[in-house]
Amino acid sequence: MARKKDFQSAFDIIGPVMMGPSSSHTAGAVKIGNAGRTVLQGTPENIEVHYYESFAKTHLGHGTDVAIIGGMLGYSTFDERIKHSIEIAKNEGIKIKFIEESGKSLGEHPNCALIKADSGDRHIEVNGISIGGGTIKIKSINVNGQCILMNHGLPILEVDGPTDNATINHLINDLIENGVDINEEIKTINQEGCLIAMHLNKALSEDTLDKMKEKYSDLNFAYIK
């Protein structure tokens, strides 16, 4: 169940300007798709969407399919191309597969979708839930086999790449010195590198993001907002 603190303003509860019919099943699904595209950092070559519980039962009738694919194509919640997104994606050579899961929700919420996608040598999996009013929470992020679990709304800054713990600590210090308000950091690190997600208390400026990308050019930055 959504709590008041999961919504940043009254506009999140009322819902966004959007293509219908449902803020949870359409607008929220677009944002889950947007999150997947942001983490993927490129045009998807294939997209596999796993639905759970309510999404599994109603995705066809509520436009969840076109919403998620529209989000993966980078469309906003009010973009009229959303209704044709599957056709557009297929025309661009993107392979699409929808899977209705019968078990309990992977995200512990009835409006849950797990997106798996590839672009070049980058494979991502993003599990998101739509909690109402077009607001979403991210439950997990997987990049090339490295996975982190979370339970946070947006904005989220995801960073990954061939690095070590010391470099990540320097990055976090630089973000804080540049006024970034970090609520929580979640990370996993191994010999291949690090995957970290930072839940932010307020929006990250584009100037700060560009500064970090330039200084830490070996890392991939995904700002989910």
C-alpha atoms as a PDB file:
ATOM      1  CA  MET A   1       0.000   0.000   0.000  1.00  0.00           C
ATOM      2  CA  ALA A   2       1.250   3.478  -0.851  1.00  0.00           C
ATOM      3  CA  ARG A   3       2.042   5.809   2.026  1.00  0.00           C
ATOM      4  CA  LYS A   4       1.903   9.620   2.080  1.00  0.00           C
ATOM      5  CA  LYS A   5       5.685   9.883   2.100  1.00  0.00           C
ATOM      6  CA  ASP A   6       5.830   7.942  -1.188  1.00  0.00           C
ATOM      7  CA  PHE A   7       4.300  10.977  -2.935  1.00  0.00           C
ATOM      8  CA  GLN A   8       6.315  14.199  -3.237  1.00  0.00           C
ATOM      9  CA  SER A   9       3.338  16.509  -3.816  1.00  0.00           C
ATOM     10  CA  ALA A  10      -0.437  16.651  -4.281  1.00  0.00           C
ATOM     11  CA  PHE A  11       0.160  16.463  -8.027  1.00  0.00           C
ATOM     12  CA  ASP A  12       1.568  12.945  -7.589  1.00  0.00           C
ATOM     13  CA  ILE A  13      -1.692  11.852  -5.949  1.00  0.00           C
ATOM     14  CA  ILE A  14      -3.942  13.577  -8.511  1.00  0.00           C
ATOM     15  CA  GLY A  15      -1.860  12.138 -11.326  1.00  0.00           C
ATOM     16  CA  PRO A  16       0.078  13.514 -14.301  1.00  0.00           C
ATOM     17  CA  VAL A  17      -1.055  14.807 -17.665  1.00  0.00           C
ATOM     18  CA  MET A  18      -1.173  11.539 -19.575  1.00  0.00           C
ATOM     19  CA  MET A  19      -2.628   9.301 -22.225  1.00  0.00           C
ATOM     20  CA  GLY A  20      -5.395   7.198 -20.598  1.00  0.00           C
ATOM     21  CA  PRO A  21      -6.982   5.173 -19.297  1.00  0.00           C
ATOM     22  CA  SER A  22      -5.346   4.682 -15.890  1.00  0.00           C
ATOM     23  CA  SER A  23      -2.682   6.512 -13.916  1.00  0.00           C
ATOM     24  CA  SER A  24      -1.505   3.267 -12.302  1.00  0.00           C
ATOM     25  CA  HIS A  25      -1.658   1.027 -15.357  1.00  0.00           C
ATOM     26  CA  THR A  26      -0.731   3.594 -18.006  1.00  0.00           C
ATOM     27  CA  ALA A  27       1.159   6.605 -16.620  1.00  0.00           C
ATOM     28  CA  GLY A  28       2.956   4.539 -13.984  1.00  0.00           C
ATOM     29  CA  ALA A  29       3.808   1.932 -16.609  1.00  0.00           C
ATOM     30  CA  VAL A  30       5.284   4.605 -18.889  1.00  0.00           C
ATOM     31  CA  LYS A  31       7.547   5.715 -16.047  1.00  0.00           C
ATOM     32  CA  ILE A  32       8.656   2.138 -15.362  1.00  0.00           C
ATOM     33  CA  GLY A  33       9.514   1.915 -19.052  1.00  0.00           C
ATOM     34  CA  ASN A  34      11.345   5.263 -18.853  1.00  0.00           C
ATOM     35  CA  ALA A  35      13.370   3.884 -15.931  1.00  0.00           C
ATOM     36  CA  GLY A  36      14.319   0.826 -17.960  1.00  0.00           C
ATOM     37  CA  ARG A  37      15.458   2.926 -20.923  1.00  0.00           C
ATOM     38  CA  THR A  38      17.451   5.263 -18.667  1.00  0.00           C
ATOM     39  CA  VAL A  39      19.350   2.368 -17.085  1.00  0.00           C
ATOM     40  CA  LEU A  40      19.836   0.722 -20.495  1.00  0.00           C
ATOM     41  CA  GLN A  41      21.361   3.952 -21.878  1.00  0.00           C
ATOM     42  CA  GLY A  42      20.549   3.154 -25.468  1.00  0.00           C
ATOM     43  CA  THR A  43      17.887   2.043 -27.888  1.00  0.00           C
ATOM     44  CA  PRO A  44      16.753  -1.469 -26.907  1.00  0.00           C
ATOM     45  CA  GLU A  45      17.370  -4.315 -29.323  1.00  0.00           C
ATOM     46  CA  ASN A  46      14.898  -6.532 -27.482  1.00  0.00           C
ATOM     47  CA  ILE A  47      12.469  -6.029 -24.620  1.00  0.00           C
ATOM     48  CA  GLU A  48      10.962  -8.714 -22.399  1.00  0.00           C
ATOM     49  CA  VAL A  49       8.296  -7.630 -19.909  1.00  0.00           C
ATOM     50  CA  HIS A  50       7.173  -9.853 -17.037  1.00  0.00           C
ATOM     51  CA  TYR A  51       3.834  -8.879 -15.451  1.00  0.00           C
ATOM     52  CA  TYR A  52       2.634  -9.809 -11.981  1.00  0.00           C
ATOM     53  CA  GLU A  53      -0.795  -9.929 -10.301  1.00  0.00           C
ATOM     54  CA  SER A  54      -2.968  -6.971 -11.415  1.00  0.00           C
ATOM     55  CA  PHE A  55      -0.649  -6.065 -14.292  1.00  0.00           C
ATOM     56  CA  ALA A  56      -0.695  -9.706 -15.450  1.00  0.00           C
ATOM     57  CA  LYS A  57      -4.507  -9.789 -15.460  1.00  0.00           C
ATOM     58  CA  THR A  58      -5.295  -6.397 -16.987  1.00  0.00           C
ATOM     59  CA  HIS A  59      -2.303  -5.245 -19.030  1.00  0.00           C
ATOM     60  CA  LEU A  60      -4.062  -5.658 -22.383  1.00  0.00           C
ATOM     61  CA  GLY A  61      -7.247  -3.810 -21.488  1.00  0.00           C
ATOM     62  CA  HIS A  62      -5.554  -1.003 -19.583  1.00  0.00           C
ATOM     63  CA  GLY A  63      -2.911  -0.144 -22.144  1.00  0.00           C
ATOM     64  CA  THR A  64      -0.002  -1.244 -19.965  1.00  0.00           C
ATOM     65  CA  ASP A  65       1.761  -2.876 -22.922  1.00  0.00           C
ATOM     66  CA  VAL A  66       1.889   0.228 -25.097  1.00  0.00           C
ATOM     67  CA  ALA A  67       2.717   2.329 -22.018  1.00  0.00           C
ATOM     68  CA  ILE A  68       5.777   0.319 -21.015  1.00  0.00           C
ATOM     69  CA  ILE A  69       7.056   0.055 -24.584  1.00  0.00           C
ATOM     70  CA  GLY A  70       6.413   3.776 -25.051  1.00  0.00           C
ATOM     71  CA  GLY A  71       8.467   4.434 -21.940  1.00  0.00           C
ATOM     72  CA  MET A  72      11.252   2.218 -23.279  1.00  0.00           C
ATOM     73  CA  LEU A  73      11.206   4.311 -26.464  1.00  0.00           C
ATOM     74  CA  GLY A  74      11.657   7.455 -24.359  1.00  0.00           C
ATOM     75  CA  TYR A  75       8.117   8.837 -24.658  1.00  0.00           C
ATOM     76  CA  SER A  76       6.592  10.950 -21.881  1.00  0.00           C
ATOM     77  CA  THR A  77       3.260  10.131 -20.239  1.00  0.00           C
ATOM     78  CA  PHE A  78       1.354  12.538 -22.536  1.00  0.00           C
ATOM     79  CA  ASP A  79       3.016  11.575 -25.833  1.00  0.00           C
ATOM     80  CA  GLU A  80       0.378  10.580 -28.394  1.00  0.00           C
ATOM     81  CA  ARG A  81       2.795   8.084 -29.957  1.00  0.00           C
ATOM     82  CA  ILE A  82       2.310   5.816 -26.931  1.00  0.00           C
ATOM     83  CA  LYS A  83      -0.824   4.229 -28.433  1.00  0.00           C
ATOM     84  CA  HIS A  84       1.277   3.102 -31.422  1.00  0.00           C
ATOM     85  CA  SER A  85       4.472   2.335 -29.505  1.00  0.00           C
ATOM     86  CA  ILE A  86       4.499  -1.441 -30.066  1.00  0.00           C
ATOM     87  CA  GLU A  87       4.051  -1.011 -33.799  1.00  0.00           C
ATOM     88  CA  ILE A  88       6.737   1.701 -33.863  1.00  0.00           C
ATOM     89  CA  ALA A  89       9.164  -0.473 -31.905  1.00  0.00           C
ATOM     90  CA  LYS A  90       8.629  -3.474 -34.169  1.00  0.00           C
ATOM     91  CA  ASN A  91       9.122  -1.291 -37.239  1.00  0.00           C
ATOM     92  CA  GLU A  92      12.478  -0.276 -35.738  1.00  0.00           C
ATOM     93  CA  GLY A  93      13.438  -3.941 -35.455  1.00  0.00           C
ATOM     94  CA  ILE A  94      12.990  -4.181 -31.686  1.00  0.00           C
ATOM     95  CA  LYS A  95      11.910  -7.643 -30.504  1.00  0.00           C
ATOM     96  CA  ILE A  96       9.165  -7.570 -27.860  1.00  0.00           C
ATOM     97  CA  LYS A  97       7.818 -10.269 -25.565  1.00  0.00           C
ATOM     98  CA  PHE A  98       5.199 -10.048 -22.792  1.00  0.00           C
ATOM     99  CA  ILE A  99       4.984 -12.714 -20.085  1.00  0.00           C
ATOM    100  CA  GLU A 100       2.120 -13.060 -17.611  1.00  0.00           C
ATOM    101  CA  GLU A 101       3.508 -14.506 -14.392  1.00  0.00           C
ATOM    102  CA  SER A 102       1.132 -16.548 -12.232  1.00  0.00           C
ATOM    103  CA  GLY A 103       2.978 -16.342  -8.918  1.00  0.00           C
ATOM    104  CA  LYS A 104       3.152 -13.625  -6.296  1.00  0.00           C
ATOM    105  CA  SER A 105       4.398 -10.217  -7.299  1.00  0.00           C
ATOM    106  CA  LEU A 106       8.154  -9.920  -7.504  1.00  0.00           C
ATOM    107  CA  GLY A 107       7.797  -6.341  -6.251  1.00  0.00           C
ATOM    108  CA  GLU A 108       5.365  -7.180  -3.421  1.00  0.00           C
ATOM    109  CA  HIS A 109       2.717  -5.007  -5.110  1.00  0.00           C
ATOM    110  CA  PRO A 110      -0.076  -5.946  -7.559  1.00  0.00           C
ATOM    111  CA  ASN A 111       0.986  -3.382 -10.192  1.00  0.00           C
ATOM    112  CA  CYS A 112       4.409  -4.826 -10.899  1.00  0.00           C
ATOM    113  CA  ALA A 113       6.511  -5.211 -14.033  1.00  0.00           C
ATOM    114  CA  LEU A 114      10.002  -6.578 -14.545  1.00  0.00           C
ATOM    115  CA  ILE A 115      11.658  -5.248 -17.697  1.00  0.00           C
ATOM    116  CA  LYS A 116      14.573  -7.084 -19.275  1.00  0.00           C
ATOM    117  CA  ALA A 117      16.344  -5.439 -22.215  1.00  0.00           C
ATOM    118  CA  ASP A 118      19.566  -5.449 -24.193  1.00  0.00           C
ATOM    119  CA  SER A 119      21.506  -2.820 -26.100  1.00  0.00           C
ATOM    120  CA  GLY A 120      24.862  -3.950 -27.474  1.00  0.00           C
ATOM    121  CA  ASP A 121      26.756  -5.643 -24.666  1.00  0.00           C
ATOM    122  CA  ARG A 122      24.616  -4.022 -21.952  1.00  0.00           C
ATOM    123  CA  HIS A 123      21.869  -6.135 -20.355  1.00  0.00           C
ATOM    124  CA  ILE A 124      19.537  -4.592 -17.799  1.00  0.00           C
ATOM    125  CA  GLU A 125      16.644  -5.724 -15.623  1.00  0.00           C
ATOM    126  CA  VAL A 126      14.494  -3.169 -13.830  1.00  0.00           C
ATOM    127  CA  ASN A 127      11.671  -4.162 -11.498  1.00  0.00           C
ATOM    128  CA  GLY A 128       9.175  -1.356 -10.884  1.00  0.00           C
ATOM    129  CA  ILE A 129       5.805  -0.977  -9.209  1.00  0.00           C
ATOM    130  CA  SER A 130       3.102   1.594  -9.915  1.00  0.00           C
ATOM    131  CA  ILE A 131       1.655   2.823  -6.618  1.00  0.00           C
ATOM    132  CA  GLY A 132      -0.959   5.281  -7.904  1.00  0.00           C
ATOM    133  CA  GLY A 133      -1.241   8.732  -9.425  1.00  0.00           C
ATOM    134  CA  GLY A 134       1.477   7.917 -11.943  1.00  0.00           C
ATOM    135  CA  THR A 135       4.011   7.488  -9.131  1.00  0.00           C
ATOM    136  CA  ILE A 136       6.390   4.523  -9.187  1.00  0.00           C
ATOM    137  CA  LYS A 137       8.934   2.840  -6.963  1.00  0.00           C
ATOM    138  CA  ILE A 138      11.945   0.871  -8.130  1.00  0.00           C
ATOM    139  CA  LYS A 139      12.376  -2.494  -6.430  1.00  0.00           C
ATOM    140  CA  SER A 140      15.542  -3.756  -8.120  1.00  0.00           C
ATOM    141  CA  ILE A 141      18.108  -2.919 -10.776  1.00  0.00           C
ATOM    142  CA  ASN A 142      20.325  -5.448 -12.532  1.00  0.00           C
ATOM    143  CA  VAL A 143      23.104  -4.416 -14.919  1.00  0.00           C
ATOM    144  CA  ASN A 144      25.121  -7.150 -16.645  1.00  0.00           C
ATOM    145  CA  GLY A 145      24.505  -9.592 -13.812  1.00  0.00           C
ATOM    146  CA  GLN A 146      25.117  -7.228 -10.897  1.00  0.00           C
ATOM    147  CA  CYS A 147      21.942  -6.664  -8.892  1.00  0.00           C
ATOM    148  CA  ILE A 148      20.774  -4.375  -6.122  1.00  0.00           C
ATOM    149  CA  LEU A 149      17.468  -4.518  -4.259  1.00  0.00           C
ATOM    150  CA  MET A 150      15.672  -1.390  -3.116  1.00  0.00           C
ATOM    151  CA  ASN A 151      12.271   0.092  -2.351  1.00  0.00           C
ATOM    152  CA  HIS A 152      12.459   3.724  -3.418  1.00  0.00           C
ATOM    153  CA  GLY A 153      10.587   6.293  -5.420  1.00  0.00           C
ATOM    154  CA  LEU A 154      12.232   8.767  -7.745  1.00  0.00           C
ATOM    155  CA  PRO A 155      14.641  10.428  -8.258  1.00  0.00           C
ATOM    156  CA  ILE A 156      17.340   7.760  -8.281  1.00  0.00           C
ATOM    157  CA  LEU A 157      20.902   8.064  -9.560  1.00  0.00           C
ATOM    158  CA  GLU A 158      22.303   4.738 -10.774  1.00  0.00           C
ATOM    159  CA  VAL A 159      26.032   4.381 -11.474  1.00  0.00           C
ATOM    160  CA  ASP A 160      27.913   1.347 -12.724  1.00  0.00           C
ATOM    161  CA  GLY A 161      31.181   0.382 -14.343  1.00  0.00           C
ATOM    162  CA  PRO A 162      34.686  -0.985 -13.813  1.00  0.00           C
ATOM    163  CA  THR A 163      35.643   0.712 -10.585  1.00  0.00           C
ATOM    164  CA  ASP A 164      36.469   0.096  -6.936  1.00  0.00           C
ATOM    165  CA  ASN A 165      35.000   1.050  -3.587  1.00  0.00           C
ATOM    166  CA  ALA A 166      37.442   3.942  -3.082  1.00  0.00           C
ATOM    167  CA  THR A 167      36.401   5.590  -6.354  1.00  0.00           C
ATOM    168  CA  ILE A 168      32.733   5.223  -5.479  1.00  0.00           C
ATOM    169  CA  ASN A 169      33.368   6.862  -2.098  1.00  0.00           C
ATOM    170  CA  HIS A 170      35.099   9.768  -3.871  1.00  0.00           C
ATOM    171  CA  LEU A 171      32.128  10.072  -6.209  1.00  0.00           C
ATOM    172  CA  ILE A 172      29.663  10.187  -3.323  1.00  0.00           C
ATOM    173  CA  ASN A 173      31.743  12.858  -1.561  1.00  0.00           C
ATOM    174  CA  ASP A 174      31.864  14.911  -4.763  1.00  0.00           C
ATOM    175  CA  LEU A 175      28.091  14.646  -5.145  1.00  0.00           C
ATOM    176  CA  ILE A 176      27.532  15.801  -1.569  1.00  0.00           C
ATOM    177  CA  GLU A 177      29.986  18.693  -1.999  1.00  0.00           C
ATOM    178  CA  ASN A 178      27.982  19.744  -5.050  1.00  0.00           C
ATOM    179  CA  GLY A 179      24.799  19.929  -2.999  1.00  0.00           C
ATOM    180  CA  VAL A 180      23.285  16.565  -3.903  1.00  0.00           C
ATOM    181  CA  ASP A 181      20.959  15.413  -1.109  1.00  0.00           C
ATOM    182  CA  ILE A 182      21.387  11.626  -0.867  1.00  0.00           C
ATOM    183  CA  ASN A 183      18.850   9.739   1.213  1.00  0.00           C
ATOM    184  CA  GLU A 184      20.356   6.263   0.870  1.00  0.00           C
ATOM    185  CA  GLU A 185      23.089   4.453  -1.069  1.00  0.00           C
ATOM    186  CA  ILE A 186      22.740   0.827  -2.103  1.00  0.00           C
ATOM    187  CA  LYS A 187      25.636  -0.881  -3.841  1.00  0.00           C
ATOM    188  CA  THR A 188      27.237  -4.131  -4.847  1.00  0.00           C
ATOM    189  CA  ILE A 189      30.847  -4.521  -5.884  1.00  0.00           C
ATOM    190  CA  ASN A 190      32.927  -7.385  -7.259  1.00  0.00           C
ATOM    191  CA  GLN A 191      35.972  -7.933  -9.447  1.00  0.00           C
ATOM    192  CA  GLU A 192      34.103  -6.727 -12.523  1.00  0.00           C
ATOM    193  CA  GLY A 193      33.125  -3.402 -10.991  1.00  0.00           C
ATOM    194  CA  CYS A 194      30.425  -1.708  -9.014  1.00  0.00           C
ATOM    195  CA  LEU A 195      26.693  -1.063  -9.250  1.00  0.00           C
ATOM    196  CA  ILE A 196      25.250   1.617  -6.978  1.00  0.00           C
ATOM    197  CA  ALA A 197      21.862   3.298  -6.687  1.00  0.00           C
ATOM    198  CA  MET A 198      21.432   6.508  -4.722  1.00  0.00           C
ATOM    199  CA  HIS A 199      17.945   7.597  -3.715  1.00  0.00           C
ATOM    200  CA  LEU A 200      17.867  11.402  -3.754  1.00  0.00           C
ATOM    201  CA  ASN A 201      15.742  13.679  -1.600  1.00  0.00           C
ATOM    202  CA  LYS A 202      15.543  16.284  -4.351  1.00  0.00           C
ATOM    203  CA  ALA A 203      16.244  16.661  -8.048  1.00  0.00           C
ATOM    204  CA  LEU A 204      19.791  16.497  -9.355  1.00  0.00           C
ATOM    205  CA  SER A 205      20.852  19.433 -11.526  1.00  0.00           C
ATOM    206  CA  GLU A 206      22.006  18.720 -15.065  1.00  0.00           C
ATOM    207  CA  ASP A 207      25.155  20.783 -14.428  1.00  0.00           C
ATOM    208  CA  THR A 208      26.160  18.574 -11.511  1.00  0.00           C
ATOM    209  CA  LEU A 209      25.399  15.420 -13.465  1.00  0.00           C
ATOM    210  CA  ASP A 210      27.485  16.630 -16.417  1.00  0.00           C
ATOM    211  CA  LYS A 211      30.328  17.486 -14.031  1.00  0.00           C
ATOM    212  CA  MET A 212      30.299  13.974 -12.553  1.00  0.00           C
ATOM    213  CA  LYS A 213      30.141  12.348 -15.988  1.00  0.00           C
ATOM    214  CA  GLU A 214      33.186  14.342 -17.087  1.00  0.00           C
ATOM    215  CA  LYS A 215      35.218  13.616 -13.958  1.00  0.00           C
ATOM    216  CA  TYR A 216      34.277   9.912 -13.789  1.00  0.00           C
ATOM    217  CA  SER A 217      34.226   9.230 -17.507  1.00  0.00           C
ATOM    218  CA  ASP A 218      34.812   5.478 -17.084  1.00  0.00           C
ATOM    219  CA  LEU A 219      31.464   5.093 -15.300  1.00  0.00           C
ATOM    220  CA  ASN A 220      27.908   4.914 -16.622  1.00  0.00           C
ATOM    221  CA  PHE A 221      25.424   7.345 -15.071  1.00  0.00           C
ATOM    222  CA  ALA A 222      21.640   6.837 -15.235  1.00  0.00           C
ATOM    223  CA  TYR A 223      19.467   9.535 -13.656  1.00  0.00           C
ATOM    224  CA  ILE A 224      15.943   8.160 -13.189  1.00  0.00           C
ATOM    225  CA  LYS A 225      13.494  11.002 -12.539  1.00  0.00           C
END
